[in-house]
mmCIF file of all heavy atoms, coordinates in Angstrom:
data_MODEL
# 
_entry.id   MODEL 
# 
loop_
_atom_site.group_PDB 
_atom_site.id 
_atom_site.type_symbol 
_atom_site.label_atom_id 
_atom_site.label_alt_id 
_atom_site.label_comp_id 
_atom_site.label_asym_id 
_atom_site.label_entity_id 
_atom_site.label_seq_id 
_atom_site.pdbx_PDB_ins_code 
_atom_site.Cartn_x 
_atom_site.Cartn_y 
_atom_site.Cartn_z 
_atom_site.occupancy 
_atom_site.B_iso_or_equiv 
_atom_site.pdbx_formal_charge 
_atom_site.auth_seq_id 
_atom_site.auth_comp_id 
_atom_site.auth_asym_id 
_atom_site.auth_atom_id 
_atom_site.pdbx_PDB_model_num 
ATOM 1   N N   . THR A 1 1  ? 153.954 233.861 7.892   1.00 0.00 ? 1  THR A N   1 
ATOM 2   C CA  . THR A 1 1  ? 153.760 232.773 8.858   1.00 0.00 ? 1  THR A CA  1 
ATOM 3   C C   . THR A 1 1  ? 154.271 231.475 8.243   1.00 0.00 ? 1  THR A C   1 
ATOM 4   O O   . THR A 1 1  ? 154.435 231.385 7.028   1.00 0.00 ? 1  THR A O   1 
ATOM 5   C CB  . THR A 1 1  ? 152.285 232.621 9.222   1.00 0.00 ? 1  THR A CB  1 
ATOM 6   O OG1 . THR A 1 1  ? 151.599 232.051 8.099   1.00 0.00 ? 1  THR A OG1 1 
ATOM 7   C CG2 . THR A 1 1  ? 151.650 233.960 9.569   1.00 0.00 ? 1  THR A CG2 1 
ATOM 8   N N   . PRO A 1 2  ? 154.482 230.456 9.081   1.00 0.00 ? 2  PRO A N   1 
ATOM 9   C CA  . PRO A 1 2  ? 154.913 229.160 8.506   1.00 0.00 ? 2  PRO A CA  1 
ATOM 10  C C   . PRO A 1 2  ? 153.933 228.627 7.464   1.00 0.00 ? 2  PRO A C   1 
ATOM 11  O O   . PRO A 1 2  ? 154.335 227.885 6.566   1.00 0.00 ? 2  PRO A O   1 
ATOM 12  C CB  . PRO A 1 2  ? 154.990 228.254 9.741   1.00 0.00 ? 2  PRO A CB  1 
ATOM 13  C CG  . PRO A 1 2  ? 155.313 229.198 10.857  1.00 0.00 ? 2  PRO A CG  1 
ATOM 14  C CD  . PRO A 1 2  ? 154.547 230.457 10.552  1.00 0.00 ? 2  PRO A CD  1 
ATOM 15  N N   . GLY A 1 3  ? 152.685 228.997 7.571   1.00 0.00 ? 3  GLY A N   1 
ATOM 16  C CA  . GLY A 1 3  ? 151.680 228.560 6.598   1.00 0.00 ? 3  GLY A CA  1 
ATOM 17  C C   . GLY A 1 3  ? 151.891 229.143 5.221   1.00 0.00 ? 3  GLY A C   1 
ATOM 18  O O   . GLY A 1 3  ? 151.282 228.675 4.252   1.00 0.00 ? 3  GLY A O   1 
ATOM 19  N N   . ASP A 1 4  ? 152.732 230.142 5.114   1.00 0.00 ? 4  ASP A N   1 
ATOM 20  C CA  . ASP A 1 4  ? 153.046 230.731 3.819   1.00 0.00 ? 4  ASP A CA  1 
ATOM 21  C C   . ASP A 1 4  ? 154.197 230.011 3.109   1.00 0.00 ? 4  ASP A C   1 
ATOM 22  O O   . ASP A 1 4  ? 154.524 230.356 1.973   1.00 0.00 ? 4  ASP A O   1 
ATOM 23  C CB  . ASP A 1 4  ? 153.399 232.212 3.976   1.00 0.00 ? 4  ASP A CB  1 
ATOM 24  C CG  . ASP A 1 4  ? 152.248 233.035 4.509   1.00 0.00 ? 4  ASP A CG  1 
ATOM 25  O OD1 . ASP A 1 4  ? 151.105 232.865 4.014   1.00 0.00 ? 4  ASP A OD1 1 
ATOM 26  O OD2 . ASP A 1 4  ? 152.478 233.870 5.425   1.00 0.00 ? 4  ASP A OD2 1 
ATOM 27  N N   . THR A 1 5  ? 154.806 229.069 3.778   1.00 0.00 ? 5  THR A N   1 
ATOM 28  C CA  . THR A 1 5  ? 155.902 228.319 3.177   1.00 0.00 ? 5  THR A CA  1 
ATOM 29  C C   . THR A 1 5  ? 155.403 227.547 1.976   1.00 0.00 ? 5  THR A C   1 
ATOM 30  O O   . THR A 1 5  ? 154.469 226.750 2.065   1.00 0.00 ? 5  THR A O   1 
ATOM 31  C CB  . THR A 1 5  ? 156.527 227.342 4.192   1.00 0.00 ? 5  THR A CB  1 
ATOM 32  O OG1 . THR A 1 5  ? 157.142 228.102 5.241   1.00 0.00 ? 5  THR A OG1 1 
ATOM 33  C CG2 . THR A 1 5  ? 157.571 226.456 3.523   1.00 0.00 ? 5  THR A CG2 1 
ATOM 34  N N   . ALA A 1 6  ? 156.030 227.771 0.829   1.00 0.00 ? 6  ALA A N   1 
ATOM 35  C CA  . ALA A 1 6  ? 155.588 227.156 -0.418  1.00 0.00 ? 6  ALA A CA  1 
ATOM 36  C C   . ALA A 1 6  ? 156.525 227.563 -1.550  1.00 0.00 ? 6  ALA A C   1 
ATOM 37  O O   . ALA A 1 6  ? 157.328 228.480 -1.384  1.00 0.00 ? 6  ALA A O   1 
ATOM 38  C CB  . ALA A 1 6  ? 154.160 227.580 -0.758  1.00 0.00 ? 6  ALA A CB  1 
ATOM 39  N N   . VAL A 1 7  ? 156.357 226.898 -2.672  1.00 0.00 ? 7  VAL A N   1 
ATOM 40  C CA  . VAL A 1 7  ? 156.962 227.386 -3.907  1.00 0.00 ? 7  VAL A CA  1 
ATOM 41  C C   . VAL A 1 7  ? 155.938 228.317 -4.550  1.00 0.00 ? 7  VAL A C   1 
ATOM 42  O O   . VAL A 1 7  ? 154.778 227.941 -4.727  1.00 0.00 ? 7  VAL A O   1 
ATOM 43  C CB  . VAL A 1 7  ? 157.298 226.231 -4.863  1.00 0.00 ? 7  VAL A CB  1 
ATOM 44  C CG1 . VAL A 1 7  ? 157.844 226.785 -6.178  1.00 0.00 ? 7  VAL A CG1 1 
ATOM 45  C CG2 . VAL A 1 7  ? 158.318 225.285 -4.225  1.00 0.00 ? 7  VAL A CG2 1 
ATOM 46  N N   . TYR A 1 8  ? 156.368 229.514 -4.867  1.00 0.00 ? 8  TYR A N   1 
ATOM 47  C CA  . TYR A 1 8  ? 155.484 230.520 -5.441  1.00 0.00 ? 8  TYR A CA  1 
ATOM 48  C C   . TYR A 1 8  ? 155.731 230.606 -6.949  1.00 0.00 ? 8  TYR A C   1 
ATOM 49  O O   . TYR A 1 8  ? 156.874 230.732 -7.394  1.00 0.00 ? 8  TYR A O   1 
ATOM 50  C CB  . TYR A 1 8  ? 155.737 231.868 -4.778  1.00 0.00 ? 8  TYR A CB  1 
ATOM 51  C CG  . TYR A 1 8  ? 155.131 231.958 -3.409  1.00 0.00 ? 8  TYR A CG  1 
ATOM 52  C CD1 . TYR A 1 8  ? 155.678 231.257 -2.339  1.00 0.00 ? 8  TYR A CD1 1 
ATOM 53  C CD2 . TYR A 1 8  ? 153.980 232.719 -3.164  1.00 0.00 ? 8  TYR A CD2 1 
ATOM 54  C CE1 . TYR A 1 8  ? 155.096 231.308 -1.076  1.00 0.00 ? 8  TYR A CE1 1 
ATOM 55  C CE2 . TYR A 1 8  ? 153.409 232.788 -1.914  1.00 0.00 ? 8  TYR A CE2 1 
ATOM 56  C CZ  . TYR A 1 8  ? 153.981 232.077 -0.868  1.00 0.00 ? 8  TYR A CZ  1 
ATOM 57  O OH  . TYR A 1 8  ? 153.401 232.132 0.385   1.00 0.00 ? 8  TYR A OH  1 
ATOM 58  N N   . TYR A 1 9  ? 154.628 230.551 -7.697  1.00 0.00 ? 9  TYR A N   1 
ATOM 59  C CA  . TYR A 1 9  ? 154.688 230.594 -9.158  1.00 0.00 ? 9  TYR A CA  1 
ATOM 60  C C   . TYR A 1 9  ? 153.938 231.825 -9.657  1.00 0.00 ? 9  TYR A C   1 
ATOM 61  O O   . TYR A 1 9  ? 152.861 232.151 -9.150  1.00 0.00 ? 9  TYR A O   1 
ATOM 62  C CB  . TYR A 1 9  ? 154.011 229.367 -9.745  1.00 0.00 ? 9  TYR A CB  1 
ATOM 63  C CG  . TYR A 1 9  ? 154.613 228.042 -9.339  1.00 0.00 ? 9  TYR A CG  1 
ATOM 64  C CD1 . TYR A 1 9  ? 154.183 227.369 -8.212  1.00 0.00 ? 9  TYR A CD1 1 
ATOM 65  C CD2 . TYR A 1 9  ? 155.613 227.458 -10.124 1.00 0.00 ? 9  TYR A CD2 1 
ATOM 66  C CE1 . TYR A 1 9  ? 154.729 226.152 -7.846  1.00 0.00 ? 9  TYR A CE1 1 
ATOM 67  C CE2 . TYR A 1 9  ? 156.163 226.231 -9.764  1.00 0.00 ? 9  TYR A CE2 1 
ATOM 68  C CZ  . TYR A 1 9  ? 155.713 225.596 -8.629  1.00 0.00 ? 9  TYR A CZ  1 
ATOM 69  O OH  . TYR A 1 9  ? 156.264 224.382 -8.281  1.00 0.00 ? 9  TYR A OH  1 
ATOM 70  N N   . CYS A 1 10 ? 154.495 232.465 -10.647 1.00 0.00 ? 10 CYS A N   1 
ATOM 71  C CA  . CYS A 1 10 ? 153.733 233.536 -11.281 1.00 0.00 ? 10 CYS A CA  1 
ATOM 72  C C   . CYS A 1 10 ? 153.153 233.017 -12.591 1.00 0.00 ? 10 CYS A C   1 
ATOM 73  O O   . CYS A 1 10 ? 153.657 232.035 -13.162 1.00 0.00 ? 10 CYS A O   1 
ATOM 74  C CB  . CYS A 1 10 ? 154.586 234.769 -11.533 1.00 0.00 ? 10 CYS A CB  1 
ATOM 75  S SG  . CYS A 1 10 ? 155.798 234.623 -12.838 1.00 0.00 ? 10 CYS A SG  1 
ATOM 76  N N   . ASN A 1 11 ? 152.089 233.634 -13.023 1.00 0.00 ? 11 ASN A N   1 
ATOM 77  C CA  . ASN A 1 11 ? 151.540 233.306 -14.326 1.00 0.00 ? 11 ASN A CA  1 
ATOM 78  C C   . ASN A 1 11 ? 151.045 234.586 -14.990 1.00 0.00 ? 11 ASN A C   1 
ATOM 79  O O   . ASN A 1 11 ? 150.794 235.594 -14.326 1.00 0.00 ? 11 ASN A O   1 
ATOM 80  C CB  . ASN A 1 11 ? 150.423 232.269 -14.214 1.00 0.00 ? 11 ASN A CB  1 
ATOM 81  C CG  . ASN A 1 11 ? 149.078 232.876 -13.835 1.00 0.00 ? 11 ASN A CG  1 
ATOM 82  O OD1 . ASN A 1 11 ? 149.008 233.656 -12.893 1.00 0.00 ? 11 ASN A OD1 1 
ATOM 83  N ND2 . ASN A 1 11 ? 148.046 232.547 -14.576 1.00 0.00 ? 11 ASN A ND2 1 
ATOM 84  N N   . ALA A 1 12 ? 150.938 234.509 -16.290 1.00 0.00 ? 12 ALA A N   1 
ATOM 85  C CA  . ALA A 1 12 ? 150.522 235.680 -17.038 1.00 0.00 ? 12 ALA A CA  1 
ATOM 86  C C   . ALA A 1 12 ? 149.803 235.257 -18.307 1.00 0.00 ? 12 ALA A C   1 
ATOM 87  O O   . ALA A 1 12 ? 150.148 234.257 -18.932 1.00 0.00 ? 12 ALA A O   1 
ATOM 88  C CB  . ALA A 1 12 ? 151.752 236.530 -17.406 1.00 0.00 ? 12 ALA A CB  1 
ATOM 89  N N   . TYR A 1 13 ? 148.787 236.032 -18.660 1.00 0.00 ? 13 TYR A N   1 
ATOM 90  C CA  . TYR A 1 13 ? 148.076 235.851 -19.937 1.00 0.00 ? 13 TYR A CA  1 
ATOM 91  C C   . TYR A 1 13 ? 148.699 236.848 -20.914 1.00 0.00 ? 13 TYR A C   1 
ATOM 92  O O   . TYR A 1 13 ? 148.518 238.051 -20.797 1.00 0.00 ? 13 TYR A O   1 
ATOM 93  C CB  . TYR A 1 13 ? 146.595 236.105 -19.763 1.00 0.00 ? 13 TYR A CB  1 
ATOM 94  C CG  . TYR A 1 13 ? 145.895 235.017 -18.981 1.00 0.00 ? 13 TYR A CG  1 
ATOM 95  C CD1 . TYR A 1 13 ? 145.843 235.066 -17.592 1.00 0.00 ? 13 TYR A CD1 1 
ATOM 96  C CD2 . TYR A 1 13 ? 145.304 233.943 -19.625 1.00 0.00 ? 13 TYR A CD2 1 
ATOM 97  C CE1 . TYR A 1 13 ? 145.214 234.061 -16.875 1.00 0.00 ? 13 TYR A CE1 1 
ATOM 98  C CE2 . TYR A 1 13 ? 144.677 232.931 -18.925 1.00 0.00 ? 13 TYR A CE2 1 
ATOM 99  C CZ  . TYR A 1 13 ? 144.629 233.008 -17.543 1.00 0.00 ? 13 TYR A CZ  1 
ATOM 100 O OH  . TYR A 1 13 ? 144.003 231.993 -16.837 1.00 0.00 ? 13 TYR A OH  1 
ATOM 101 N N   . VAL A 1 14 ? 149.422 236.289 -21.880 1.00 0.00 ? 14 VAL A N   1 
ATOM 102 C CA  . VAL A 1 14 ? 150.250 237.095 -22.783 1.00 0.00 ? 14 VAL A CA  1 
ATOM 103 C C   . VAL A 1 14 ? 149.695 237.061 -24.195 1.00 0.00 ? 14 VAL A C   1 
ATOM 104 O O   . VAL A 1 14 ? 149.399 235.979 -24.723 1.00 0.00 ? 14 VAL A O   1 
ATOM 105 C CB  . VAL A 1 14 ? 151.699 236.597 -22.770 1.00 0.00 ? 14 VAL A CB  1 
ATOM 106 C CG1 . VAL A 1 14 ? 152.546 237.439 -23.722 1.00 0.00 ? 14 VAL A CG1 1 
ATOM 107 C CG2 . VAL A 1 14 ? 152.285 236.634 -21.366 1.00 0.00 ? 14 VAL A CG2 1 
ATOM 108 N N   . MET A 1 15 ? 149.584 238.260 -24.765 1.00 0.00 ? 15 MET A N   1 
ATOM 109 C CA  . MET A 1 15 ? 149.221 238.361 -26.179 1.00 0.00 ? 15 MET A CA  1 
ATOM 110 C C   . MET A 1 15 ? 150.502 238.315 -27.001 1.00 0.00 ? 15 MET A C   1 
ATOM 111 O O   . MET A 1 15 ? 151.423 239.098 -26.790 1.00 0.00 ? 15 MET A O   1 
ATOM 112 C CB  . MET A 1 15 ? 148.464 239.653 -26.445 1.00 0.00 ? 15 MET A CB  1 
ATOM 113 C CG  . MET A 1 15 ? 147.059 239.683 -25.891 1.00 0.00 ? 15 MET A CG  1 
ATOM 114 S SD  . MET A 1 15 ? 145.966 238.479 -26.687 1.00 0.00 ? 15 MET A SD  1 
ATOM 115 C CE  . MET A 1 15 ? 145.963 239.095 -28.351 1.00 0.00 ? 15 MET A CE  1 
ATOM 116 N N   . THR A 1 16 ? 150.534 237.397 -27.943 1.00 0.00 ? 16 THR A N   1 
ATOM 117 C CA  . THR A 1 16 ? 151.690 237.224 -28.818 1.00 0.00 ? 16 THR A CA  1 
ATOM 118 C C   . THR A 1 16 ? 151.242 237.389 -30.258 1.00 0.00 ? 16 THR A C   1 
ATOM 119 O O   . THR A 1 16 ? 150.134 236.987 -30.625 1.00 0.00 ? 16 THR A O   1 
ATOM 120 C CB  . THR A 1 16 ? 152.304 235.828 -28.637 1.00 0.00 ? 16 THR A CB  1 
ATOM 121 O OG1 . THR A 1 16 ? 152.718 235.672 -27.283 1.00 0.00 ? 16 THR A OG1 1 
ATOM 122 C CG2 . THR A 1 16 ? 153.491 235.633 -29.548 1.00 0.00 ? 16 THR A CG2 1 
ATOM 123 N N   . VAL A 1 17 ? 152.094 237.983 -31.040 1.00 0.00 ? 17 VAL A N   1 
ATOM 124 C CA  . VAL A 1 17 ? 151.811 238.146 -32.464 1.00 0.00 ? 17 VAL A CA  1 
ATOM 125 C C   . VAL A 1 17 ? 152.558 237.091 -33.244 1.00 0.00 ? 17 VAL A C   1 
ATOM 126 O O   . VAL A 1 17 ? 153.780 236.974 -33.106 1.00 0.00 ? 17 VAL A O   1 
ATOM 127 C CB  . VAL A 1 17 ? 152.196 239.549 -32.968 1.00 0.00 ? 17 VAL A CB  1 
ATOM 128 C CG1 . VAL A 1 17 ? 151.912 239.671 -34.467 1.00 0.00 ? 17 VAL A CG1 1 
ATOM 129 C CG2 . VAL A 1 17 ? 151.414 240.612 -32.207 1.00 0.00 ? 17 VAL A CG2 1 
ATOM 130 N N   . SER A 1 18 ? 151.829 236.315 -34.013 1.00 0.00 ? 18 SER A N   1 
ATOM 131 C CA  . SER A 1 18 ? 152.442 235.268 -34.835 1.00 0.00 ? 18 SER A CA  1 
ATOM 132 C C   . SER A 1 18 ? 152.080 235.501 -36.299 1.00 0.00 ? 18 SER A C   1 
ATOM 133 O O   . SER A 1 18 ? 151.205 236.309 -36.590 1.00 0.00 ? 18 SER A O   1 
ATOM 134 C CB  . SER A 1 18 ? 151.946 233.902 -34.378 1.00 0.00 ? 18 SER A CB  1 
ATOM 135 O OG  . SER A 1 18 ? 150.593 233.721 -34.784 1.00 0.00 ? 18 SER A OG  1 
ATOM 136 N N   . PRO A 1 19 ? 152.723 234.769 -37.196 1.00 0.00 ? 19 PRO A N   1 
ATOM 137 C CA  . PRO A 1 19 ? 152.364 234.922 -38.622 1.00 0.00 ? 19 PRO A CA  1 
ATOM 138 C C   . PRO A 1 19 ? 150.882 234.642 -38.868 1.00 0.00 ? 19 PRO A C   1 
ATOM 139 O O   . PRO A 1 19 ? 150.297 235.165 -39.826 1.00 0.00 ? 19 PRO A O   1 
ATOM 140 C CB  . PRO A 1 19 ? 153.251 233.888 -39.312 1.00 0.00 ? 19 PRO A CB  1 
ATOM 141 C CG  . PRO A 1 19 ? 154.439 233.776 -38.423 1.00 0.00 ? 19 PRO A CG  1 
ATOM 142 C CD  . PRO A 1 19 ? 153.897 233.915 -37.012 1.00 0.00 ? 19 PRO A CD  1 
ATOM 143 N N   . ALA A 1 20 ? 150.279 233.833 -38.001 1.00 0.00 ? 20 ALA A N   1 
ATOM 144 C CA  . ALA A 1 20 ? 148.867 233.520 -38.158 1.00 0.00 ? 20 ALA A CA  1 
ATOM 145 C C   . ALA A 1 20 ? 147.969 234.566 -37.521 1.00 0.00 ? 20 ALA A C   1 
ATOM 146 O O   . ALA A 1 20 ? 146.746 234.495 -37.659 1.00 0.00 ? 20 ALA A O   1 
ATOM 147 C CB  . ALA A 1 20 ? 148.570 232.147 -37.557 1.00 0.00 ? 20 ALA A CB  1 
ATOM 148 N N   . GLY A 1 21 ? 148.580 235.519 -36.821 1.00 0.00 ? 21 GLY A N   1 
ATOM 149 C CA  . GLY A 1 21 ? 147.803 236.565 -36.161 1.00 0.00 ? 21 GLY A CA  1 
ATOM 150 C C   . GLY A 1 21 ? 148.033 236.570 -34.665 1.00 0.00 ? 21 GLY A C   1 
ATOM 151 O O   . GLY A 1 21 ? 148.757 235.726 -34.146 1.00 0.00 ? 21 GLY A O   1 
ATOM 152 N N   . PRO A 1 22 ? 147.418 237.494 -33.948 1.00 0.00 ? 22 PRO A N   1 
ATOM 153 C CA  . PRO A 1 22 ? 147.613 237.569 -32.502 1.00 0.00 ? 22 PRO A CA  1 
ATOM 154 C C   . PRO A 1 22 ? 146.840 236.477 -31.771 1.00 0.00 ? 22 PRO A C   1 
ATOM 155 O O   . PRO A 1 22 ? 145.767 236.062 -32.210 1.00 0.00 ? 22 PRO A O   1 
ATOM 156 C CB  . PRO A 1 22 ? 147.068 238.959 -32.154 1.00 0.00 ? 22 PRO A CB  1 
ATOM 157 C CG  . PRO A 1 22 ? 146.055 239.221 -33.206 1.00 0.00 ? 22 PRO A CG  1 
ATOM 158 C CD  . PRO A 1 22 ? 146.576 238.569 -34.458 1.00 0.00 ? 22 PRO A CD  1 
ATOM 159 N N   . TYR A 1 23 ? 147.393 236.015 -30.680 1.00 0.00 ? 23 TYR A N   1 
ATOM 160 C CA  . TYR A 1 23 ? 146.689 235.051 -29.852 1.00 0.00 ? 23 TYR A CA  1 
ATOM 161 C C   . TYR A 1 23 ? 147.151 235.203 -28.432 1.00 0.00 ? 23 TYR A C   1 
ATOM 162 O O   . TYR A 1 23 ? 148.244 235.696 -28.149 1.00 0.00 ? 23 TYR A O   1 
ATOM 163 C CB  . TYR A 1 23 ? 146.929 233.605 -30.332 1.00 0.00 ? 23 TYR A CB  1 
ATOM 164 C CG  . TYR A 1 23 ? 148.344 233.108 -30.147 1.00 0.00 ? 23 TYR A CG  1 
ATOM 165 C CD1 . TYR A 1 23 ? 148.710 232.394 -28.988 1.00 0.00 ? 23 TYR A CD1 1 
ATOM 166 C CD2 . TYR A 1 23 ? 149.311 233.340 -31.113 1.00 0.00 ? 23 TYR A CD2 1 
ATOM 167 C CE1 . TYR A 1 23 ? 150.010 231.947 -28.814 1.00 0.00 ? 23 TYR A CE1 1 
ATOM 168 C CE2 . TYR A 1 23 ? 150.620 232.889 -30.940 1.00 0.00 ? 23 TYR A CE2 1 
ATOM 169 C CZ  . TYR A 1 23 ? 150.951 232.200 -29.814 1.00 0.00 ? 23 TYR A CZ  1 
ATOM 170 O OH  . TYR A 1 23 ? 152.245 231.758 -29.631 1.00 0.00 ? 23 TYR A OH  1 
ATOM 171 N N   . GLU A 1 24 ? 146.310 234.779 -27.503 1.00 0.00 ? 24 GLU A N   1 
ATOM 172 C CA  . GLU A 1 24 ? 146.623 234.871 -26.082 1.00 0.00 ? 24 GLU A CA  1 
ATOM 173 C C   . GLU A 1 24 ? 146.909 233.471 -25.541 1.00 0.00 ? 24 GLU A C   1 
ATOM 174 O O   . GLU A 1 24 ? 146.213 232.520 -25.859 1.00 0.00 ? 24 GLU A O   1 
ATOM 175 C CB  . GLU A 1 24 ? 145.468 235.478 -25.307 1.00 0.00 ? 24 GLU A CB  1 
ATOM 176 C CG  . GLU A 1 24 ? 145.745 235.637 -23.803 1.00 0.00 ? 24 GLU A CG  1 
ATOM 177 C CD  . GLU A 1 24 ? 144.559 236.163 -23.031 1.00 0.00 ? 24 GLU A CD  1 
ATOM 178 O OE1 . GLU A 1 24 ? 143.570 235.422 -22.876 1.00 0.00 ? 24 GLU A OE1 1 
ATOM 179 O OE2 . GLU A 1 24 ? 144.621 237.327 -22.582 1.00 0.00 ? 24 GLU A OE2 1 
# 
C-alpha cells in the first residue's frame, strides 16, 4: 500500500573475532 512507501534498512547483530577476542 502507499503507506509502505519508505526507505527500508536492514540491521544485524554480528559476532566478530578480533585480536582482543569475540564481540557483538
